[in-house]
Protein backbone atom coordinates (compact mmCIF):
# COMPACT_ATOMS: atom_id res chain seq x y z
CA MET A 1 0.02 0.13 -0.09
CA ARG A 2 2.82 2.43 1.08
CA ARG A 3 4.96 1.64 -2.14
CA ALA A 4 1.48 2.17 -4.36
CA TRP A 5 1.10 5.76 -2.68
CA LYS A 6 4.97 6.28 -3.32
CA ILE A 7 3.58 6.29 -7.47
CA ALA A 8 0.52 7.66 -7.37
CA VAL A 9 0.83 11.05 -5.18
CA PRO A 10 4.00 11.86 -7.54
CA LEU A 11 2.08 10.92 -10.58
CA THR A 12 -0.96 13.00 -9.79
CA CYS A 13 0.96 16.06 -9.04
CA ALA A 14 2.33 15.15 -12.83
CA VAL A 15 -1.20 15.41 -14.50
CA LEU A 16 -2.32 18.37 -12.42
CA ILE A 17 0.40 20.32 -13.42
CA SER A 18 0.32 19.08 -17.09
CA GLY A 19 -3.46 19.76 -16.93
CA ALA A 20 -3.01 23.52 -15.84
CA MET A 21 -0.13 24.26 -18.13
CA VAL A 22 -1.81 22.83 -21.02
CA PHE A 23 -5.29 25.09 -20.06
CA GLU A 24 -3.27 27.86 -19.44
CA MET A 25 -1.85 27.56 -23.13
CA VAL A 26 -5.61 26.94 -24.71
CA HIS A 27 -6.75 30.13 -22.65
CA ARG A 28 -4.00 32.40 -24.18
CA HIS A 29 -4.59 31.44 -27.50
CA HIS A 30 -8.22 32.17 -27.08
CA LEU A 31 -7.46 35.42 -25.55
CA GLU A 32 -4.86 35.96 -28.35
CA GLN A 33 -7.58 34.93 -31.29
CA GLN A 34 -10.32 37.37 -29.42
CA LYS A 35 -7.37 40.04 -29.88
CA LEU A 36 -6.96 39.39 -34.02
CA ALA A 37 -10.68 39.08 -34.28
CA GLN A 38 -11.50 42.95 -32.70
CA GLN A 39 -8.19 43.95 -34.61
CA ALA A 40 -9.70 42.66 -38.18
CA GLN A 41 -12.53 44.03 -37.42
CA ALA A 42 -11.36 47.56 -37.12
CA TYR A 43 -9.36 47.17 -39.89
CA ARG A 44 -12.47 46.30 -42.23
CA VAL A 45 -14.12 49.74 -40.72
CA ARG A 46 -11.22 51.50 -41.83
CA ALA A 47 -11.39 49.57 -45.06
CA GLU A 48 -14.68 49.84 -46.17
CA GLN A 49 -14.02 53.83 -46.15
CA GLY A 50 -11.29 53.20 -48.60
CA ASP A 51 -8.05 54.03 -46.08
CA ALA A 52 -5.16 51.89 -48.25
CA GLU A 53 -3.36 51.40 -45.19
CA ALA A 54 -6.22 49.47 -43.34
CA GLU A 55 -6.97 47.74 -47.11
CA PHE A 56 -3.38 46.58 -46.67
CA HIS A 57 -3.60 45.04 -42.58
CA LEU A 58 -6.58 43.42 -43.35
CA SER A 59 -5.13 41.62 -46.83
CA THR A 60 -2.23 40.56 -44.18
CA MET A 61 -4.70 39.45 -41.99
CA TYR A 62 -6.43 36.89 -44.48
CA LEU A 63 -3.27 35.64 -45.98
CA ARG A 64 -1.97 34.77 -42.14
CA GLY A 65 -5.79 33.35 -41.63
CA GLN A 66 -5.23 35.99 -38.39
CA GLY A 67 -8.40 36.68 -36.89
CA VAL A 68 -10.48 35.91 -39.95
CA PRO A 69 -10.59 32.68 -41.45
CA GLN A 70 -7.63 32.46 -44.26
CA SER A 71 -8.59 33.45 -47.80
CA TYR A 72 -6.02 34.66 -50.26
CA THR A 73 -8.86 35.45 -52.96
CA GLU A 74 -9.59 38.07 -49.97
CA ALA A 75 -6.36 38.48 -49.32
CA PHE A 76 -5.30 39.67 -53.44
CA ARG A 77 -9.05 41.44 -53.26
CA TRP A 78 -7.95 43.60 -50.55
CA CYS A 79 -4.31 44.15 -51.21
CA ARG A 80 -5.57 45.16 -55.40
CA ARG A 81 -8.06 47.74 -53.47
CA ALA A 82 -4.85 49.29 -51.51
CA ALA A 83 -2.63 48.88 -54.70
CA ASP A 84 -4.79 50.82 -56.43
CA GLN A 85 -4.31 53.98 -54.60
CA ASN A 86 -0.81 53.72 -54.97
CA TYR A 87 0.23 52.71 -51.15
CA ALA A 88 3.88 51.15 -52.06
CA ARG A 89 3.69 48.20 -49.35
CA ALA A 90 0.45 46.86 -50.92
CA GLN A 91 2.13 46.96 -54.57
CA ASP A 92 4.84 45.16 -52.67
CA GLY A 93 2.40 43.09 -51.40
CA MET A 94 0.89 41.98 -54.80
CA GLY A 95 4.01 41.35 -56.07
CA TYR A 96 4.45 38.88 -53.58
CA LEU A 97 1.09 37.17 -54.10
CA TYR A 98 2.18 36.59 -57.98
CA TYR A 99 5.46 35.74 -56.71
CA HIS A 100 4.25 32.71 -54.79
CA GLY A 101 0.91 32.31 -56.22
CA TYR A 102 -1.17 32.82 -53.39
CA GLY A 103 -4.96 32.54 -54.86
CA LEU A 104 -3.74 32.91 -58.14
CA ASP A 105 -1.49 31.42 -60.85
CA GLY A 106 2.25 32.51 -60.26
CA ASP A 107 2.94 35.07 -62.79
CA PHE A 108 7.00 36.24 -62.43
CA THR A 109 6.66 38.87 -64.79
CA GLU A 110 3.40 40.71 -63.43
CA ALA A 111 4.76 40.12 -59.67
CA LEU A 112 8.11 42.56 -60.92
CA ARG A 113 5.61 45.18 -62.11
CA TRP A 114 4.17 45.33 -59.27
CA LEU A 115 7.79 45.21 -57.22
CA HIS A 116 8.96 47.72 -59.58
CA LEU A 117 5.72 50.22 -58.58
CA ALA A 118 6.53 49.74 -54.44
CA ALA A 119 10.66 50.32 -56.10
CA ASP A 120 10.17 53.37 -57.60
CA GLN A 121 8.47 54.82 -54.16
CA LYS A 122 12.42 53.47 -52.65
CA LEU A 123 10.40 50.79 -50.35
CA PRO A 124 13.58 48.81 -49.32
CA GLN A 125 11.47 45.30 -49.08
CA ALA A 126 10.88 46.10 -52.72
CA GLU A 127 13.88 46.68 -54.06
CA ASN A 128 15.29 43.62 -52.27
CA GLU A 129 12.89 41.44 -54.07
CA ILE A 130 13.44 42.44 -57.42
CA GLY A 131 17.48 41.78 -56.36
CA ILE A 132 16.82 38.05 -55.84
CA ALA A 133 14.74 38.22 -58.50
CA TYR A 134 17.77 39.04 -60.45
CA GLU A 135 20.41 36.84 -58.24
CA VAL A 136 18.36 33.60 -59.25
CA GLY A 137 16.59 34.23 -62.65
CA ASN A 138 13.01 34.75 -61.53
CA GLY A 139 10.88 36.26 -64.10
CA VAL A 140 14.16 38.21 -65.51
CA THR A 141 17.72 36.93 -66.63
CA ALA A 142 19.99 35.84 -63.49
CA ASP A 143 22.33 39.16 -63.57
CA TYR A 144 24.72 39.18 -60.67
CA GLY A 145 25.37 42.87 -61.43
CA GLU A 146 21.69 43.91 -61.20
CA ALA A 147 20.65 41.63 -58.30
CA VAL A 148 24.01 43.78 -56.45
CA ARG A 149 22.78 47.39 -57.49
CA TRP A 150 19.34 46.49 -55.82
CA TYR A 151 20.58 44.88 -53.01
CA ARG A 152 23.00 48.26 -52.52
CA LEU A 153 19.77 50.18 -52.82
CA ALA A 154 18.00 48.45 -50.15
CA ALA A 155 20.67 48.25 -47.76
CA ASP A 156 21.51 51.63 -47.87
CA GLN A 157 18.24 52.34 -46.17
CA GLY A 158 19.21 50.12 -43.32
CA TYR A 159 17.09 47.05 -44.68
CA ALA A 160 18.38 44.17 -42.68
CA ALA A 161 18.19 41.50 -45.34
CA ALA A 162 19.28 43.80 -48.20
CA GLU A 163 22.44 44.16 -45.78
CA TYR A 164 22.78 40.18 -45.53
CA ASN A 165 22.02 39.64 -49.43
CA LEU A 166 24.84 42.28 -50.48
CA GLY A 167 27.21 40.80 -47.81
CA TRP A 168 26.79 37.44 -49.00
CA MET A 169 27.55 38.50 -52.69
CA TYR A 170 30.51 40.06 -51.57
CA ALA A 171 31.71 37.11 -49.96
CA ASN A 172 30.75 35.01 -53.13
CA GLY A 173 32.17 37.52 -55.43
CA ARG A 174 28.66 37.36 -57.30
CA GLY A 175 28.77 40.72 -59.42
CA ILE A 176 31.11 41.80 -57.46
CA THR A 177 34.90 42.03 -56.17
CA LYS A 178 35.08 39.26 -53.71
CA ASP A 179 36.17 41.38 -50.33
CA ARG A 180 35.88 39.33 -46.98
CA LEU A 181 35.94 42.76 -44.52
CA LYS A 182 33.09 44.45 -46.48
CA ALA A 183 31.06 41.10 -46.38
CA ARG A 184 32.13 40.69 -42.89
CA GLU A 185 30.75 44.39 -42.43
CA LEU A 186 27.50 44.33 -44.12
CA ILE A 187 26.79 41.00 -42.51
CA THR A 188 27.35 42.66 -38.67
CA ARG A 189 25.20 45.65 -39.60
CA ALA A 190 22.55 42.84 -40.56
CA ALA A 191 22.81 41.37 -37.46
CA ASP A 192 22.75 44.51 -35.65
CA HIS A 193 19.61 45.19 -37.34
CA GLY A 194 17.64 41.53 -36.32
CA ASP A 195 18.51 39.39 -38.91
CA ARG A 196 18.67 35.90 -38.11
CA GLY A 197 20.34 34.62 -41.31
CA ALA A 198 23.19 36.83 -40.53
CA LYS A 199 23.86 36.67 -36.89
CA GLN A 200 23.80 32.22 -37.58
CA MET A 201 26.67 33.53 -40.00
CA LEU A 202 28.50 34.86 -37.53
CA GLY A 203 27.76 32.40 -34.78
CA ARG A 204 26.30 35.06 -32.22
CA SER A 205 23.72 33.40 -30.03
CA TRP A 206 21.78 30.13 -29.56
CA PRO A 207 18.71 31.31 -30.91
CA ALA A 208 20.34 32.03 -34.16
CA PHE A 209 20.72 28.32 -34.84
CA ASP A 210 17.66 26.34 -36.27
CA LYS A 211 15.23 24.14 -34.41
CA LEU A 212 16.73 21.49 -37.18
CA ASP A 213 20.20 22.47 -35.81
CA LYS A 214 19.32 22.68 -31.89
CA VAL A 215 18.53 19.10 -31.41
CA PRO A 216 21.20 17.10 -32.76
CA LEU A 217 23.07 19.86 -31.01
CA ILE A 218 21.11 19.01 -27.82
CA LEU A 219 21.37 15.80 -28.38
CA CYS A 220 25.12 14.75 -29.16
CA LEU A 221 26.24 17.00 -26.15
CA ALA A 222 23.49 15.01 -23.38
CA GLY A 223 23.72 12.04 -25.23
CA GLY A 224 27.70 12.23 -24.46
CA MET A 225 28.14 13.14 -21.09
CA ILE A 226 25.49 10.22 -20.47
CA LEU A 227 28.01 7.63 -21.69
CA VAL A 228 30.87 9.17 -20.38
CA LEU A 229 28.99 8.43 -17.09
CA VAL A 230 28.01 5.02 -18.02
CA TYR A 231 31.80 4.32 -18.29
CA ARG A 232 32.20 5.40 -14.50
CA LEU A 233 29.56 3.34 -12.98
CA PRO A 234 31.07 0.78 -10.22
CA LYS A 235 32.69 -2.11 -11.15
CA SER A 236 30.37 -4.45 -11.09
CA SER A 237 28.83 -2.96 -13.96
CA PRO A 238 29.51 -5.15 -17.87
CA GLU A 239 33.22 -4.76 -17.84
CA SER A 240 35.79 -4.34 -21.32
CA GLN A 241 34.26 -3.88 -24.10
CA THR A 242 31.29 -2.45 -23.35
CA ARG A 243 32.22 -0.05 -20.83
CA PHE A 244 35.13 0.37 -23.41
CA LEU A 245 32.86 1.61 -26.37
CA ALA A 246 30.83 3.69 -23.98
CA ALA A 247 33.11 5.59 -22.55
CA ILE A 248 35.33 6.37 -26.17
CA ALA A 249 31.41 6.79 -27.53
CA GLY A 250 30.32 9.24 -25.07
CA ALA A 251 33.95 11.49 -25.33
CA VAL A 252 33.37 11.64 -29.32
CA THR A 253 29.61 11.81 -29.09
CA PHE A 254 30.57 15.32 -26.93
CA SER A 255 33.39 16.47 -29.18
CA PHE A 256 30.57 16.35 -31.94
CA GLY A 257 28.59 18.16 -30.63
CA ALA A 258 31.34 20.91 -29.90
CA PHE A 259 32.69 20.54 -33.13
CA MET A 260 29.42 21.10 -34.89
CA ILE A 261 29.02 24.60 -32.69
CA LEU A 262 32.13 25.90 -33.31
CA SER A 263 32.01 25.07 -37.25
CA SER A 264 28.76 27.37 -36.65
CA VAL A 265 30.58 30.22 -35.21
CA TYR A 266 33.76 30.19 -37.04
CA ALA A 267 33.00 28.33 -40.39
CA GLY A 268 31.05 30.36 -42.15
CA ALA A 269 31.17 31.82 -45.38
CA LEU A 270 33.48 34.76 -43.95
CA ALA A 271 35.99 32.43 -42.60
CA PRO A 272 39.51 31.56 -44.86
CA SER A 273 39.05 28.84 -45.89
CA TYR A 274 41.51 26.97 -44.62
CA VAL A 275 39.76 27.63 -41.08
CA ALA A 276 36.57 26.43 -42.22
CA GLY A 277 38.13 23.57 -43.98
CA GLY A 278 40.03 22.70 -40.37
CA PHE A 279 36.58 23.18 -38.43
CA GLU A 280 34.38 20.84 -41.30
CA PHE A 281 37.61 18.11 -41.26
CA ALA A 282 37.30 17.84 -37.63
CA THR A 283 33.68 18.07 -37.09
CA ASN A 284 33.73 15.20 -39.85
CA PHE A 285 36.70 13.41 -38.60
CA THR A 286 34.62 12.73 -35.43
CA GLY A 287 31.95 12.17 -37.52
CA GLY A 288 33.32 9.51 -39.09
CA ILE A 289 34.57 7.89 -35.84
CA LEU A 290 31.26 7.82 -34.31
CA LEU A 291 30.15 5.47 -37.59
CA SER A 292 32.76 3.23 -36.58
CA ILE A 293 31.77 2.75 -32.95
CA TRP A 294 28.03 2.74 -32.87
CA PRO A 295 27.67 -0.51 -34.84
CA GLN A 296 30.06 -1.93 -32.37
CA PHE A 297 28.20 -0.36 -29.74
CA LEU A 298 24.66 -1.59 -30.52
CA TRP A 299 25.49 -4.77 -32.17
CA ARG A 300 28.78 -5.75 -31.78
CA LYS A 301 29.34 -6.52 -35.64
CA SER A 302 32.77 -6.66 -36.67
CA PRO A 303 35.35 -3.73 -37.35
CA LYS A 304 36.09 -5.04 -40.95
CA TRP A 305 33.19 -4.16 -42.76
CA THR A 306 33.18 -0.52 -41.94
CA LEU A 307 36.71 -0.68 -42.79
CA TRP A 308 35.75 -1.94 -45.83
CA CYS A 309 32.95 1.13 -46.51
CA ALA A 310 35.82 3.49 -45.50
CA GLY A 311 37.80 2.89 -48.25
CA ILE A 312 35.08 2.70 -50.60
CA LEU A 313 34.00 6.09 -49.10
CA PHE A 314 37.22 7.85 -48.99
CA VAL A 315 38.05 6.93 -52.94
CA ALA A 316 34.47 7.96 -54.27
CA LEU A 317 34.46 11.39 -52.54
CA ILE A 318 38.33 12.18 -53.47
CA ALA A 319 36.91 11.40 -57.30
CA LEU A 320 33.41 13.54 -56.57
CA ASP A 321 36.00 16.37 -54.82
CA LEU A 322 38.16 16.54 -57.71
CA GLU A 323 35.30 16.27 -60.44
CA LEU A 324 34.29 19.53 -58.67
CA PHE A 325 37.17 21.33 -58.38
CA ASN A 326 37.72 20.63 -62.11
CA HIS A 327 34.50 22.16 -62.73
CA HIS A 328 34.15 25.01 -61.04
CA LYS A 329 37.75 25.75 -58.85
CA ASN A 330 35.96 27.74 -56.17
CA ASP A 331 35.69 27.70 -52.68
CA ALA A 332 33.31 25.39 -52.41
CA ALA A 333 34.91 22.79 -54.02
CA ILE A 334 37.94 23.56 -51.70
CA ARG A 335 36.13 23.80 -48.76
CA PHE A 336 34.37 20.17 -49.79
CA PHE A 337 37.84 18.30 -49.75
CA PRO A 338 39.02 18.59 -46.02
CA MET A 339 35.49 17.73 -45.76
CA ALA A 340 35.51 14.73 -47.90
CA ILE A 341 38.13 13.04 -46.41
CA GLY A 342 37.51 13.42 -42.68
CA LEU A 343 34.61 11.30 -42.63
CA PRO A 344 36.13 8.46 -44.22
CA LEU A 345 39.22 9.23 -42.27
CA GLY A 346 37.43 9.00 -38.80
CA LEU A 347 35.78 6.17 -39.96
CA GLY A 348 38.59 4.45 -41.51
CA ILE A 349 41.12 4.86 -38.43
CA ALA A 350 38.72 3.81 -35.52
CA SER A 351 37.56 0.39 -37.50
CA ALA A 352 41.58 -0.07 -37.52
CA VAL A 353 41.77 0.29 -34.06
CA LEU A 354 38.79 -1.19 -32.68
CA LEU A 355 40.29 -4.35 -35.31
CA LEU A 356 43.60 -4.02 -33.92
CA ARG A 357 41.99 -4.39 -30.23
CA ALA A 358 39.75 -7.08 -31.47
CA LYS A 359 42.49 -9.27 -32.80
CA ARG A 360 44.56 -8.41 -29.36
CA GLY A 361 41.68 -9.91 -27.07
CA GLY A 362 40.51 -6.63 -26.09
CA GLU A 363 36.72 -8.35 -26.43
CA THR A 364 36.73 -10.73 -24.03
CA ASP A 365 35.81 -10.36 -20.78
CA GLY A 366 38.18 -11.77 -18.89
CA PRO A 367 41.05 -10.86 -16.19
CA SER A 368 42.58 -7.32 -17.37
CA GLY A 369 45.55 -8.67 -15.92
CA PRO A 370 48.70 -9.71 -18.61
CA ASP A 371 47.18 -13.29 -18.03
CA GLY A 372 44.69 -13.89 -16.21
CA THR A 373 44.53 -18.10 -17.22
CA ALA A 374 47.96 -18.52 -16.12
CA GLU A 375 46.47 -17.24 -12.67
CA ALA A 376 43.85 -19.37 -12.55
CA GLU A 377 46.10 -22.62 -13.74
CA ASN A 378 48.99 -21.71 -10.34
CA GLU A 379 46.26 -21.38 -8.21
CA VAL A 380 46.46 -23.86 -4.74
CA PRO A 381 43.30 -25.28 -4.23
CA ALA A 382 42.18 -25.51 -0.75
CA HIS A 383 42.69 -28.10 1.53
CA PRO A 384 39.62 -29.47 3.61
């Protein structure tokens, strides 16, 4: 009975706390929806009186489904009404709707017509989007020089996305002479103005990482610590190969997560090729070690097959890198080389070490002395 109470009390507390948290989240969501509905109604009253700004905001709410049911048709109708009044943000909105095909067939040519109308009024968002169109070649012939010109017009107005895009062009030498110092200056300005991509490139803060980046990093760091702690368990735990592999896997997993963070911080497009290459090599080298350890740790497979895989992978990646370098001869091809050799080298070296250790008896669970069998043979039996 006492044992049942020990289970029931914490379980009940956990259910009550979780229920309270869910109720609070639902309540907040309901209040937020009420607020958005009131805001949409206020915009509607002004929009029906011909207020261009209200028409544009109402269009945005229909586009996102905030406070009103989502409707691309209504979003287009209200945005067009505002754009016909020469409201620059609505003209940019029309370009956005045509560009992405929301509520109508995508039409890059028509999108650019509206974007140019907004850009004529010096709207930086529109200038930046025209730059993107020229960079990727949507609706116009791709022209890096024109992309740089439009990005610069928007960046000169302090528009963060354009500062980032222009810095990227400088970093890669697209449409302009490559200049890493100028690229860093522009991307730093973009980060100061709140651009997330710029913050991530500069490695400024943890929130700059995407959610898909955070999950493997947390798993690597936490999993590495747990596996290292497994190695520190009392001697009564499984000995020899399992403990050895747990310790090595933990240390390498933790190192892999650390190298991923350092690579994001120091090995961006703004870093010199040898710095970026060094971090990429270290990250992929530890990744290769992990690939060799986990099959041994989980399934006790022989290291021979991972050693063969390492050799095949090494040859394939080197051939791919040579092919890329022969065709492009740019920084991307140069940076791919240390990344390409790091993974198979880590895989091959770790597999060879594990194979050598297995041949020397590292997988046995006997005494750790020089010759456990000899000690057993030399023991003198006790006399009754």
